[in-house]
Protein backbone atom coordinates (compact mmCIF):
# COMPACT_ATOMS: atom_id res chain seq x y z
CA MET A 1 159.01 139.12 68.32
CA GLU A 2 155.32 139.85 67.93
CA VAL A 3 155.23 141.70 71.28
CA VAL A 4 158.22 143.86 70.23
CA ALA A 5 156.58 144.71 66.91
CA LEU A 6 153.35 145.58 68.70
CA ARG A 7 155.20 147.90 71.09
CA GLN A 8 156.94 149.62 68.16
CA GLN A 9 153.64 150.22 66.42
CA LEU A 10 152.19 151.55 69.66
CA ALA A 11 155.11 153.97 70.04
CA VAL A 12 154.61 155.26 66.50
CA TYR A 13 150.90 155.71 67.19
CA LYS A 14 151.70 157.65 70.39
CA ARG A 15 154.03 160.04 68.54
CA LYS A 16 151.39 160.75 65.91
CA GLN A 17 148.50 160.98 68.38
CA PRO A 18 149.31 162.82 71.55
CA TYR A 19 147.89 161.64 74.83
CA PRO A 20 144.48 163.09 75.60
CA LYS A 21 144.09 165.22 78.62
CA LEU A 22 143.29 162.98 81.56
CA HIS A 23 142.12 163.82 85.01
CA ARG A 24 144.71 163.69 87.73
CA SER A 25 143.12 160.63 89.33
CA ASP A 26 143.09 158.83 85.96
CA ARG A 27 146.75 159.58 85.36
CA LEU A 28 147.55 158.30 88.84
CA PHE A 29 145.62 155.10 88.14
CA TRP A 30 147.51 154.32 84.96
CA VAL A 31 150.84 155.09 86.64
CA VAL A 32 150.05 152.58 89.40
CA VAL A 33 148.95 149.97 86.85
CA ARG A 34 152.18 150.39 84.87
CA GLN A 35 154.32 150.04 87.98
CA MET A 36 152.48 146.90 89.23
CA TRP A 37 152.07 145.16 85.86
CA ASP A 38 155.07 145.02 83.55
CA TYR A 39 153.14 143.40 80.67
CA TRP A 40 150.28 145.84 80.57
CA SER A 41 150.97 146.82 77.02
CA GLY A 42 150.68 143.21 75.84
CA ALA A 43 147.04 143.14 76.92
CA LEU A 44 146.08 146.03 74.66
CA ILE A 45 143.87 145.09 71.72
CA LEU A 46 143.92 147.23 68.62
CA VAL A 47 140.57 147.10 66.86
CA LYS A 48 138.97 149.00 64.03
CA PRO A 49 136.12 151.45 64.59
CA ASP A 50 133.79 149.20 62.56
CA THR A 51 134.41 146.39 65.07
CA VAL A 52 133.43 148.62 67.97
CA VAL A 53 130.27 149.68 66.12
CA ALA A 54 129.40 146.00 65.41
CA TRP A 55 129.84 145.17 69.09
CA HIS A 56 127.56 148.03 70.03
CA ARG A 57 124.86 146.94 67.58
CA ALA A 58 125.00 143.34 68.83
CA GLY A 59 124.63 144.51 72.42
CA TYR A 60 121.77 146.80 71.36
CA ARG A 61 119.92 143.86 69.77
CA LEU A 62 120.43 141.69 72.87
CA PHE A 63 119.19 144.51 75.08
CA TRP A 64 115.95 145.02 73.18
CA ARG A 65 115.42 141.30 72.79
CA TRP A 66 115.50 141.06 76.56
CA ARG A 67 113.17 144.08 76.91
CA SER A 68 110.75 142.64 74.35
CA ARG A 69 110.54 139.14 75.86
CA PRO A 70 106.93 137.87 76.12
CA GLN A 71 105.30 138.61 79.42
CA ARG A 72 102.79 136.03 80.72
CA VAL A 73 99.34 137.46 81.28
CA GLY A 74 96.18 136.01 82.71
CA ARG A 75 95.83 133.42 85.47
CA PRO A 76 99.01 131.96 86.97
CA ARG A 77 100.23 128.62 85.68
CA VAL A 78 99.06 125.46 87.45
CA ALA A 79 101.73 124.20 89.81
CA GLU A 80 103.63 121.05 88.90
CA GLU A 81 102.44 119.34 92.08
CA VAL A 82 98.80 119.91 91.13
CA ARG A 83 99.36 118.67 87.56
CA GLN A 84 100.98 115.48 88.82
CA LEU A 85 98.13 114.98 91.29
CA ILE A 86 95.51 115.38 88.54
CA ARG A 87 97.38 112.88 86.39
CA ARG A 88 97.62 110.44 89.28
CA MET A 89 93.90 110.72 90.13
CA LYS A 90 92.94 110.13 86.51
CA ARG A 91 95.28 107.13 86.24
CA GLU A 92 94.05 105.51 89.45
CA ASN A 93 90.38 106.36 88.77
CA PRO A 94 89.73 106.15 85.01
CA SER A 95 85.99 106.79 85.42
CA TRP A 96 86.46 110.11 87.24
CA GLY A 97 85.81 113.36 85.42
CA ALA A 98 86.70 116.96 86.10
CA PRO A 99 84.02 117.51 88.81
CA ARG A 100 85.17 114.53 90.91
CA ILE A 101 88.85 115.41 90.61
CA HIS A 102 88.13 119.08 91.29
CA GLY A 103 86.21 118.14 94.44
CA GLU A 104 89.09 116.03 95.72
CA LEU A 105 91.53 118.88 95.06
CA LEU A 106 89.35 121.35 96.95
CA LEU A 107 89.17 118.99 99.93
CA LEU A 108 92.96 118.75 99.84
CA GLY A 109 93.26 122.54 100.09
CA PHE A 110 94.24 123.40 96.49
CA ASP A 111 92.82 126.63 95.05
CA ILE A 112 91.99 125.68 91.47
CA SER A 113 88.92 126.07 89.27
CA GLU A 114 86.99 123.25 87.64
CA PRO A 115 87.50 124.61 84.07
CA THR A 116 91.25 124.48 84.66
CA VAL A 117 91.02 120.82 85.67
CA SER A 118 88.82 120.12 82.64
CA ARG A 119 91.28 121.75 80.24
CA TYR A 120 94.17 119.78 81.71
CA LEU A 121 92.22 116.51 81.41
CA GLN A 122 91.54 117.27 77.74
CA ARG A 123 95.26 117.76 77.29
CA LEU A 124 95.91 114.37 78.87
CA LYS A 125 93.55 112.67 76.41
CA ARG A 126 95.86 113.61 73.54
CA THR A 127 98.51 111.23 74.84
CA PRO A 128 96.57 108.28 76.33
CA GLU A 129 98.33 105.45 78.09
CA LYS A 130 98.93 102.38 75.98
CA GLY A 131 96.44 99.61 76.66
CA ASN A 132 94.00 99.21 79.52
CA ALA A 133 96.29 97.35 81.86
CA GLY A 134 94.95 99.08 84.95
CA GLN A 135 91.32 98.29 84.16
CA TRP A 136 92.12 94.66 83.32
CA LEU A 137 94.10 94.30 86.54
CA ALA A 138 91.18 95.65 88.56
CA PHE A 139 88.79 93.31 86.72
CA LEU A 140 90.96 90.27 87.42
CA ASN A 141 91.44 91.21 91.07
CA ASN A 142 87.68 91.53 91.53
CA HIS A 143 86.85 88.26 89.73
CA CYS A 144 89.87 86.05 90.38
CA ASP A 145 88.12 84.13 93.16
CA ALA A 146 85.38 83.11 90.70
CA ILE A 147 87.66 82.13 87.79
CA THR A 148 89.05 78.65 87.19
CA ALA A 149 90.99 77.09 84.33
CA PHE A 150 91.89 73.61 83.19
CA ASP A 151 94.22 72.12 80.62
CA PHE A 152 96.32 69.10 79.65
CA PHE A 153 100.06 68.58 79.51
CA THR A 154 101.98 65.46 78.50
CA VAL A 155 104.69 63.47 80.27
CA PRO A 156 106.51 60.46 78.72
CA ASN A 157 106.92 57.42 80.95
CA LEU A 158 109.81 54.96 81.16
CA TYR A 159 108.57 53.01 78.13
CA PHE A 160 108.15 56.16 75.97
CA ARG A 161 104.38 56.11 76.21
CA THR A 162 102.64 59.45 76.54
CA LEU A 163 100.68 60.19 79.70
CA TYR A 164 98.11 62.98 79.59
CA CYS A 165 97.97 64.98 82.83
CA PHE A 166 94.74 66.87 83.47
CA PHE A 167 94.47 69.60 86.13
CA VAL A 168 92.06 72.29 87.27
CA ILE A 169 93.42 75.46 88.91
CA GLU A 170 91.71 78.48 90.44
CA HIS A 171 92.92 82.03 89.85
CA GLY A 172 92.36 83.39 93.35
CA ARG A 173 94.96 81.55 95.45
CA ARG A 174 96.48 79.50 92.60
CA ARG A 175 95.19 76.30 94.23
CA VAL A 176 95.04 73.18 92.09
CA LEU A 177 91.55 71.80 92.56
CA HIS A 178 92.08 68.49 90.78
CA PHE A 179 94.90 66.48 89.19
CA ASN A 180 94.86 63.15 87.37
CA ALA A 181 96.60 61.30 84.54
CA THR A 182 95.65 58.74 81.92
CA PHE A 183 96.83 57.22 78.67
CA HIS A 184 93.45 57.72 76.93
CA PRO A 185 91.73 61.05 77.72
CA THR A 186 88.20 60.47 76.43
CA SER A 187 85.29 62.88 76.79
CA ASP A 188 83.65 60.72 79.47
CA TRP A 189 86.88 60.64 81.46
CA ILE A 190 87.21 64.45 81.27
CA VAL A 191 83.60 64.95 82.38
CA GLN A 192 84.22 62.70 85.38
CA GLN A 193 87.30 64.74 86.34
CA LEU A 194 85.25 67.92 86.11
CA ARG A 195 82.56 66.41 88.37
CA GLU A 196 85.20 65.75 90.99
CA ALA A 197 86.71 69.23 90.58
CA PHE A 198 83.39 71.15 90.66
CA PRO A 199 81.07 69.59 93.24
CA LEU A 200 77.66 71.17 93.57
CA PRO A 201 76.96 73.84 94.62
CA CYS A 202 79.88 75.21 92.60
CA PRO A 203 81.45 78.35 94.12
CA TYR A 204 83.01 79.37 90.80
CA ARG A 205 81.43 81.26 87.94
CA TYR A 206 83.89 81.27 85.02
CA VAL A 207 85.98 78.49 83.52
CA LEU A 208 88.78 79.12 81.03
CA PHE A 209 90.25 76.60 78.58
CA ASP A 210 91.51 76.34 75.02
CA HIS A 211 90.17 74.87 71.77
CA ASP A 212 91.61 71.39 72.26
CA SER A 213 89.60 68.77 70.37
CA LYS A 214 89.35 66.68 73.55
CA PHE A 215 87.02 69.32 75.03
CA GLY A 216 84.02 68.33 72.94
CA SER A 217 80.28 68.84 73.21
CA GLU A 218 79.94 66.59 76.29
CA VAL A 219 82.35 68.81 78.22
CA LEU A 220 80.53 71.98 77.17
CA GLN A 221 77.16 70.49 78.07
CA PHE A 222 78.37 69.55 81.56
CA LEU A 223 79.85 73.02 82.19
CA ASN A 224 76.66 74.74 81.07
CA SER A 225 74.55 72.49 83.29
CA SER A 226 76.83 73.36 86.23
CA ALA A 227 76.10 77.11 85.78
CA LEU A 228 79.69 77.78 84.71
CA LYS A 229 80.28 80.42 82.07
CA VAL A 230 82.63 79.06 79.42
CA ILE A 231 85.47 81.28 78.19
CA ARG A 232 87.64 79.78 75.46
CA THR A 233 90.99 81.26 74.50
CA SER A 234 91.91 82.13 70.95
CA ILE A 235 93.54 79.51 68.77
CA GLN A 236 97.30 79.17 69.36
CA SER A 237 97.20 81.77 72.15
CA PRO A 238 98.46 80.04 75.32
CA TRP A 239 99.25 83.37 77.00
CA GLN A 240 95.50 83.98 77.37
CA ASN A 241 95.44 81.13 79.89
CA GLY A 242 98.51 82.37 81.73
CA VAL A 243 97.77 80.98 85.20
CA ALA A 244 97.41 77.42 83.91
CA GLU A 245 100.43 77.69 81.61
CA ARG A 246 102.51 79.08 84.46
CA TRP A 247 101.61 76.09 86.65
CA VAL A 248 102.57 73.69 83.85
CA GLY A 249 105.97 75.35 83.62
CA SER A 250 106.44 75.15 87.39
CA VAL A 251 105.56 71.45 87.68
CA ARG A 252 107.84 70.62 84.76
CA ARG A 253 110.84 72.55 86.06
CA GLU A 254 110.44 71.48 89.67
CA LEU A 255 109.39 67.83 89.25
CA PHE A 256 108.99 66.14 85.89
CA ASP A 257 112.27 67.41 84.43
CA HIS A 258 114.05 65.39 87.16
CA ILE A 259 111.91 62.23 87.39
CA ILE A 260 110.82 59.57 84.89
CA PRO A 261 107.45 58.08 85.90
CA LEU A 262 107.07 54.33 85.54
CA ASN A 263 103.32 54.31 84.88
CA GLU A 264 100.19 56.31 85.53
CA TYR A 265 99.97 55.20 89.18
CA HIS A 266 103.51 56.39 89.80
CA LEU A 267 102.75 59.70 88.11
CA ARG A 268 99.61 60.23 90.20
CA ARG A 269 101.58 59.64 93.40
CA LEU A 270 104.25 62.12 92.26
CA GLY A 271 101.49 64.59 91.42
CA ARG A 272 99.93 64.29 94.88
CA ASP A 273 103.31 64.83 96.54
CA TYR A 274 103.99 67.87 94.42
CA LEU A 275 100.56 69.33 95.16
CA ALA A 276 101.19 68.97 98.89
CA TYR A 277 104.50 70.82 98.48
CA TYR A 278 102.95 73.36 96.11
CA HIS A 279 100.05 74.26 98.40
CA GLN A 280 101.77 74.23 101.79
CA ASP A 281 105.47 75.02 101.25
CA ARG A 282 106.15 76.73 97.92
CA THR A 283 106.00 80.54 97.93
CA HIS A 284 104.49 82.46 95.01
CA ILE A 285 105.35 85.90 93.69
CA GLY A 286 101.72 86.48 92.69
CA LEU A 287 100.62 85.80 96.29
CA ASN A 288 103.05 88.28 97.91
CA LYS A 289 105.60 85.51 98.60
CA ASN A 290 103.07 83.33 100.42
CA THR A 291 101.68 79.87 99.72
CA PRO A 292 98.22 78.95 98.36
CA ALA A 293 97.37 77.44 101.76
CA THR A 294 98.53 80.66 103.53
CA ARG A 295 101.69 79.57 105.34
CA ALA A 296 102.05 81.29 108.71
CA VAL A 297 105.15 83.33 109.57
CA GLU A 298 107.33 81.58 112.19
CA ARG A 299 109.12 83.75 114.73
CA ARG A 300 112.26 82.88 116.59
CA SER A 301 111.21 82.27 120.18
CA ARG A 302 114.60 81.63 121.81
CA PHE A 303 118.15 82.63 121.09
CA HIS A 304 119.59 79.11 120.92
CA THR A 305 117.04 77.80 118.40
CA ARG A 306 118.32 76.93 114.95
CA ILE A 307 116.87 76.49 111.50
CA VAL A 308 116.21 72.95 110.32
CA SER A 309 115.18 71.74 106.89
CA SER A 310 112.74 69.04 105.82
CA SER A 311 113.13 67.41 102.43
CA ARG A 312 110.30 67.52 99.93
CA LEU A 313 109.83 65.42 96.77
CA GLY A 314 112.70 63.11 97.61
CA GLY A 315 115.17 65.92 98.26
CA LEU A 316 114.42 68.07 95.20
CA HIS A 317 113.10 70.81 97.48
CA HIS A 318 113.17 71.61 101.20
CA ARG A 319 111.04 73.34 103.82
CA TYR A 320 112.80 75.48 106.43
CA ARG A 321 111.59 76.24 109.93
CA TRP A 322 112.87 76.89 113.45
CA SER A 323 113.84 73.84 115.46
CA GLU A 324 111.04 74.21 118.03
CA ALA A 325 108.44 74.25 115.27
CA ALA A 326 109.91 71.24 113.48
């Protein structure tokens, strides 16, 4: 019904307004369109002159907005590859300044000025990286072979008596230098354990431990006389001695959560067995999936060889190897 009404209005408009004079080619075009498309009149849109004027003004504004867009002047913008490279050099070398980074870029074939590098570095300083994790990691990697730590952890025996396990661990290869257990950890007993753990000349420089009351003045005096620099963690901050705490968690999960020691002699024997497994067989994520004693990679020499397992700690863990190497 709407199409019929529209056609009627169009017919009335045509009677009042005669067709304008069209060129012969234009008349031929519209004749062909009418013959090929029966609903051509339904596509006509009747608009007011004000609407056409509004469309024209909107197009005029868009046109001049495009013509008036800001044009970049001056030096060309630094390429994204160069910006990422500057950021990477600054992250990997925190002590480098604009001259060092600019020299590296020139040797890599990039055409960039030193003031440009300096301005970009100043822009990076506005959003610094959180923390100094990279510098601390470099510090620990350079000093881990000279750092040791010691601590206590408790294990209840069969008769519900508390055994105090003392251990000393190095940060470099995560090797446990000494392990022992007692019911009464006195200062003299601790000093004796430290003598056995740090024979002279001592290859280590730093020793890390907490504020336990058992580590009294006698312990501090012995460490100072052994040329060991004492570093004590903050109170109630076990994460500051992470290597030692991680080893305590490992020995609990892998051994003492499954075994009840009868007495201190039994616990020492279990500790020695675990240390043998820990040093020679157990892989560590912090050591690139290797062992503290540097376990060699075994290759398959023949096609018919097979993998065999050897039990460790009474069957709690196993060591796998090729049959010829077993």
